[in-house]
Structure formats: structure tokens, C-alpha cells
Amino acid sequence: MPKFTVFILAETVHGLDTTLHAARIAPDILVIHDGDAAIERLCFLNRARCMPRIPGVTLGAHVMDAFHDWLLLLQPGELLNPETISAIESWKRRKRDDCGGYLIRCDESDRPQLRFVNRTVVNWVGDFPPVPTNAGIFPGAIVRSIALRAA
């Protein structure tokens, strides 16, 4: 059974509680942040690991801190629809998966984005991973953004 880490870059605490709640389907949750104590408290309460973002280091370098080879990339304020959760639960029953990643549609974009990444296949040094040629699509899967109120 492949396991995965939910990987979240949190620049603010707004919306993070909702996303951490949605991320509970993962055996590991890693939040990268800019040293905000409120984010650290929220991660502790939700059993998520948190690490400070190292200035000058891109997100691609921070993925080395994930426990598992597969990463589900989320942002604060994002939720998983029931079809996404079902697709991930079905995926977890596989013995292995050599695909480079999966595209998931996000409600703010018509085009699917690479959000589920196999870091044994995809290596990136920037903030966003490149889309591998063997990327698949989770049918019906959508990452939804909730409306966030300004602080």
C-alpha cells in the first residue's frame, strides 16, 4: 500500500484549520511555515508536523522532510471533495504505483494541476513540481478553496 504525506505551505493561519481537518486522510501531514507561533499551535492540535521555511530555499528542497514518497500538495483554505477522498482511498489499496503523479482539478482553475506527486519519479528544485509525462488524472477529484476572510 503506498502512503503519502500532505504537504502544506502556510504563510498565514487563515484557513489552515480547515485544510488540516481535510488532510486527516493522510498518515503524515507536514506544514512549512514562516515561523508563526499560531501555525505551530494549530499543527500541534491537529497532529501535523511543522517546520520553519528556510529563507532562500525553495519548496522543492523542503519536500525532503516528508516521511513518504507520495505528496498531496495543498494550500490553507483548500478542501477535498468526496470524490477526491474516494479516489485517494481507492489508490491507497494498490500495492504500488510507479506513476509520476496525478492531476487534480482545482475550483479556481479549469485546468487540472499536479497536486499528487511521486517524488521518487519527479524531482524539482523550484517552488512547483514539473508535470511528468506519465501523469494521470483522478477522475472527479476536485480541490475546493473556501472563501477566507481577511484578518
C-alpha atoms as a PDB file:
ATOM      1  CA  MET A   1       0.000   0.000   0.000  1.00  0.00           C
ATOM      2  CA  PRO A   2       1.532   3.352  -1.000  1.00  0.00           C
ATOM      3  CA  LYS A   3       1.476   6.000   1.713  1.00  0.00           C
ATOM      4  CA  PHE A   4       1.529   9.743   1.271  1.00  0.00           C
ATOM      5  CA  THR A   5       2.306  12.980   3.050  1.00  0.00           C
ATOM      6  CA  VAL A   6       0.055  16.019   2.817  1.00  0.00           C
ATOM      7  CA  PHE A   7       2.431  18.912   2.161  1.00  0.00           C
ATOM      8  CA  ILE A   8       1.150  22.404   3.015  1.00  0.00           C
ATOM      9  CA  LEU A   9       2.873  25.769   2.663  1.00  0.00           C
ATOM     10  CA  ALA A  10       1.213  28.064   5.220  1.00  0.00           C
ATOM     11  CA  GLU A  11       2.044  31.739   5.075  1.00  0.00           C
ATOM     12  CA  THR A  12      -0.860  32.539   7.412  1.00  0.00           C
ATOM     13  CA  VAL A  13      -3.056  30.658   9.853  1.00  0.00           C
ATOM     14  CA  HIS A  14      -6.258  31.647   7.974  1.00  0.00           C
ATOM     15  CA  GLY A  15      -7.943  28.588   6.522  1.00  0.00           C
ATOM     16  CA  LEU A  16      -5.268  26.211   7.813  1.00  0.00           C
ATOM     17  CA  ASP A  17      -7.561  24.560  10.374  1.00  0.00           C
ATOM     18  CA  THR A  18      -9.998  23.564   7.619  1.00  0.00           C
ATOM     19  CA  THR A  19      -7.240  22.156   5.443  1.00  0.00           C
ATOM     20  CA  LEU A  20      -5.653  20.255   8.336  1.00  0.00           C
ATOM     21  CA  HIS A  21      -9.038  18.699   9.069  1.00  0.00           C
ATOM     22  CA  ALA A  22      -9.375  17.615   5.413  1.00  0.00           C
ATOM     23  CA  ALA A  23      -5.797  16.271   5.437  1.00  0.00           C
ATOM     24  CA  ARG A  24      -6.564  13.708   8.131  1.00  0.00           C
ATOM     25  CA  ILE A  25      -6.850  11.021   5.436  1.00  0.00           C
ATOM     26  CA  ALA A  26      -3.035  11.074   5.225  1.00  0.00           C
ATOM     27  CA  PRO A  27      -0.718   9.162   7.549  1.00  0.00           C
ATOM     28  CA  ASP A  28       1.613  12.185   7.611  1.00  0.00           C
ATOM     29  CA  ILE A  29       0.941  15.931   7.424  1.00  0.00           C
ATOM     30  CA  LEU A  30       3.805  18.383   7.006  1.00  0.00           C
ATOM     31  CA  VAL A  31       3.280  22.134   7.219  1.00  0.00           C
ATOM     32  CA  ILE A  32       6.037  24.503   6.117  1.00  0.00           C
ATOM     33  CA  HIS A  33       5.643  27.984   7.586  1.00  0.00           C
ATOM     34  CA  ASP A  34       7.477  31.241   8.231  1.00  0.00           C
ATOM     35  CA  GLY A  35       7.847  30.821  11.999  1.00  0.00           C
ATOM     36  CA  ASP A  36       4.314  31.763  13.069  1.00  0.00           C
ATOM     37  CA  ALA A  37       3.569  30.528  16.615  1.00  0.00           C
ATOM     38  CA  ALA A  38      -0.171  30.338  15.840  1.00  0.00           C
ATOM     39  CA  ILE A  39       0.550  27.946  12.969  1.00  0.00           C
ATOM     40  CA  GLU A  40       2.716  25.819  15.262  1.00  0.00           C
ATOM     41  CA  ARG A  41      -0.093  25.590  17.860  1.00  0.00           C
ATOM     42  CA  LEU A  42      -2.654  24.660  15.213  1.00  0.00           C
ATOM     43  CA  CYS A  43      -0.357  21.963  13.819  1.00  0.00           C
ATOM     44  CA  PHE A  44       0.185  20.546  17.300  1.00  0.00           C
ATOM     45  CA  LEU A  45      -3.570  20.384  17.926  1.00  0.00           C
ATOM     46  CA  ASN A  46      -4.117  18.603  14.587  1.00  0.00           C
ATOM     47  CA  ARG A  47      -1.204  16.160  14.921  1.00  0.00           C
ATOM     48  CA  ALA A  48       0.627  17.716  11.986  1.00  0.00           C
ATOM     49  CA  ARG A  49       4.354  18.193  11.827  1.00  0.00           C
ATOM     50  CA  CYS A  50       5.509  21.731  11.192  1.00  0.00           C
ATOM     51  CA  MET A  51       8.862  23.026  10.081  1.00  0.00           C
ATOM     52  CA  PRO A  52      10.035  26.569   9.515  1.00  0.00           C
ATOM     53  CA  ARG A  53      10.666  27.611   5.948  1.00  0.00           C
ATOM     54  CA  ILE A  54      14.349  28.251   5.379  1.00  0.00           C
ATOM     55  CA  PRO A  55      14.874  31.663   3.747  1.00  0.00           C
ATOM     56  CA  GLY A  56      16.184  31.362   0.206  1.00  0.00           C
ATOM     57  CA  VAL A  57      15.288  27.671  -0.063  1.00  0.00           C
ATOM     58  CA  THR A  58      12.551  26.640  -2.489  1.00  0.00           C
ATOM     59  CA  LEU A  59       9.706  24.288  -1.624  1.00  0.00           C
ATOM     60  CA  GLY A  60      11.281  21.589  -3.755  1.00  0.00           C
ATOM     61  CA  ALA A  61      14.038  21.294  -1.171  1.00  0.00           C
ATOM     62  CA  HIS A  62      11.578  21.148   1.748  1.00  0.00           C
ATOM     63  CA  VAL A  63       9.868  18.017   0.374  1.00  0.00           C
ATOM     64  CA  MET A  64      12.863  16.035   1.603  1.00  0.00           C
ATOM     65  CA  ASP A  65      11.325  16.352   5.082  1.00  0.00           C
ATOM     66  CA  ALA A  66       8.237  14.341   4.071  1.00  0.00           C
ATOM     67  CA  PHE A  67       8.034  10.831   5.519  1.00  0.00           C
ATOM     68  CA  HIS A  68       6.539   9.243   2.405  1.00  0.00           C
ATOM     69  CA  ASP A  69       7.355   9.234  -1.312  1.00  0.00           C
ATOM     70  CA  TRP A  70       3.927  10.460  -2.398  1.00  0.00           C
ATOM     71  CA  LEU A  71       2.906  14.051  -1.654  1.00  0.00           C
ATOM     72  CA  LEU A  72      -0.528  15.651  -1.760  1.00  0.00           C
ATOM     73  CA  LEU A  73       0.086  19.377  -2.219  1.00  0.00           C
ATOM     74  CA  LEU A  74      -2.469  21.606  -0.510  1.00  0.00           C
ATOM     75  CA  GLN A  75      -2.725  25.251   0.494  1.00  0.00           C
ATOM     76  CA  PRO A  76      -4.500  26.718   3.532  1.00  0.00           C
ATOM     77  CA  GLY A  77      -8.188  27.112   2.813  1.00  0.00           C
ATOM     78  CA  GLU A  78      -8.406  24.112   0.487  1.00  0.00           C
ATOM     79  CA  LEU A  79     -10.745  21.158   0.965  1.00  0.00           C
ATOM     80  CA  LEU A  80     -11.050  17.783  -0.742  1.00  0.00           C
ATOM     81  CA  ASN A  81     -14.392  16.887  -2.281  1.00  0.00           C
ATOM     82  CA  PRO A  82     -15.873  13.434  -1.512  1.00  0.00           C
ATOM     83  CA  GLU A  83     -14.826  12.121  -4.943  1.00  0.00           C
ATOM     84  CA  THR A  84     -11.212  13.106  -4.224  1.00  0.00           C
ATOM     85  CA  ILE A  85     -11.257  11.359  -0.873  1.00  0.00           C
ATOM     86  CA  SER A  86     -12.795   8.281  -2.510  1.00  0.00           C
ATOM     87  CA  ALA A  87     -10.161   8.302  -5.290  1.00  0.00           C
ATOM     88  CA  ILE A  88      -7.359   8.565  -2.725  1.00  0.00           C
ATOM     89  CA  GLU A  89      -8.854   5.803  -0.552  1.00  0.00           C
ATOM     90  CA  SER A  90      -9.063   3.571  -3.629  1.00  0.00           C
ATOM     91  CA  TRP A  91      -5.494   4.499  -4.598  1.00  0.00           C
ATOM     92  CA  LYS A  92      -4.268   3.552  -1.105  1.00  0.00           C
ATOM     93  CA  ARG A  93      -5.387  -0.047  -1.715  1.00  0.00           C
ATOM     94  CA  ARG A  94      -2.856  -0.502  -4.508  1.00  0.00           C
ATOM     95  CA  LYS A  95       0.308  -2.466  -3.853  1.00  0.00           C
ATOM     96  CA  ARG A  96       2.442   0.162  -5.609  1.00  0.00           C
ATOM     97  CA  ASP A  97       2.209   2.986  -8.108  1.00  0.00           C
ATOM     98  CA  ASP A  98       5.032   3.996 -10.438  1.00  0.00           C
ATOM     99  CA  CYS A  99       3.145   6.906 -11.989  1.00  0.00           C
ATOM    100  CA  GLY A 100       4.845  10.300 -11.704  1.00  0.00           C
ATOM    101  CA  GLY A 101       1.783  11.921 -10.207  1.00  0.00           C
ATOM    102  CA  TYR A 102      -1.856  12.795 -10.634  1.00  0.00           C
ATOM    103  CA  LEU A 103      -3.589  15.911 -11.833  1.00  0.00           C
ATOM    104  CA  ILE A 104      -6.488  17.174  -9.753  1.00  0.00           C
ATOM    105  CA  ARG A 105      -8.863  19.899 -10.828  1.00  0.00           C
ATOM    106  CA  CYS A 106      -8.962  22.930  -8.560  1.00  0.00           C
ATOM    107  CA  ASP A 107     -12.114  25.001  -8.474  1.00  0.00           C
ATOM    108  CA  GLU A 108     -10.267  28.239  -9.247  1.00  0.00           C
ATOM    109  CA  SER A 109      -8.859  26.773 -12.461  1.00  0.00           C
ATOM    110  CA  ASP A 110     -10.351  24.927 -15.408  1.00  0.00           C
ATOM    111  CA  ARG A 111      -7.092  23.092 -15.969  1.00  0.00           C
ATOM    112  CA  PRO A 112      -6.106  20.259 -13.631  1.00  0.00           C
ATOM    113  CA  GLN A 113      -2.951  20.854 -11.607  1.00  0.00           C
ATOM    114  CA  LEU A 114      -0.301  18.406 -10.458  1.00  0.00           C
ATOM    115  CA  ARG A 115      -1.283  18.029  -6.815  1.00  0.00           C
ATOM    116  CA  PHE A 116      -0.455  14.389  -6.069  1.00  0.00           C
ATOM    117  CA  VAL A 117       3.253  13.815  -6.735  1.00  0.00           C
ATOM    118  CA  ASN A 118       5.528  10.773  -6.619  1.00  0.00           C
ATOM    119  CA  ARG A 119       8.828  12.266  -5.506  1.00  0.00           C
ATOM    120  CA  THR A 120      10.733   9.097  -6.496  1.00  0.00           C
ATOM    121  CA  VAL A 121       9.845   9.943 -10.105  1.00  0.00           C
ATOM    122  CA  VAL A 122       9.550  13.746 -10.000  1.00  0.00           C
ATOM    123  CA  ASN A 123      12.425  15.808  -8.669  1.00  0.00           C
ATOM    124  CA  TRP A 124      12.093  19.551  -8.540  1.00  0.00           C
ATOM    125  CA  VAL A 125      14.189  22.414  -7.310  1.00  0.00           C
ATOM    126  CA  GLY A 126      11.726  25.291  -7.689  1.00  0.00           C
ATOM    127  CA  ASP A 127       8.513  26.016  -5.835  1.00  0.00           C
ATOM    128  CA  PHE A 128       6.320  23.869  -8.096  1.00  0.00           C
ATOM    129  CA  PRO A 129       6.962  20.385  -9.485  1.00  0.00           C
ATOM    130  CA  PRO A 130       7.073  19.848 -13.242  1.00  0.00           C
ATOM    131  CA  VAL A 131       4.263  17.734 -14.688  1.00  0.00           C
ATOM    132  CA  PRO A 132       5.676  14.298 -15.558  1.00  0.00           C
ATOM    133  CA  THR A 133       4.876  12.755 -18.932  1.00  0.00           C
ATOM    134  CA  ASN A 134       3.214   9.772 -17.250  1.00  0.00           C
ATOM    135  CA  ALA A 135       0.902  11.838 -15.016  1.00  0.00           C
ATOM    136  CA  GLY A 136      -2.610  10.504 -14.570  1.00  0.00           C
ATOM    137  CA  ILE A 137      -5.867  12.204 -13.627  1.00  0.00           C
ATOM    138  CA  PHE A 138      -8.043  11.417 -10.633  1.00  0.00           C
ATOM    139  CA  PRO A 139     -11.481  11.474 -12.314  1.00  0.00           C
ATOM    140  CA  GLY A 140     -13.998  13.614 -10.457  1.00  0.00           C
ATOM    141  CA  ALA A 141     -11.411  14.768  -7.953  1.00  0.00           C
ATOM    142  CA  ILE A 142     -11.564  18.440  -7.033  1.00  0.00           C
ATOM    143  CA  VAL A 143      -9.677  20.552  -4.533  1.00  0.00           C
ATOM    144  CA  ARG A 144     -12.005  23.334  -3.386  1.00  0.00           C
ATOM    145  CA  SER A 145     -10.964  26.650  -1.912  1.00  0.00           C
ATOM    146  CA  ILE A 146     -13.056  28.110   0.845  1.00  0.00           C
ATOM    147  CA  ALA A 147     -13.611  31.853   0.961  1.00  0.00           C
ATOM    148  CA  LEU A 148     -11.213  33.299   3.503  1.00  0.00           C
ATOM    149  CA  ARG A 149     -11.968  36.427   5.462  1.00  0.00           C
ATOM    150  CA  ALA A 150      -9.223  38.997   5.758  1.00  0.00           C
ATOM    151  CA  ALA A 151      -7.558  39.136   9.152  1.00  0.00           C
END
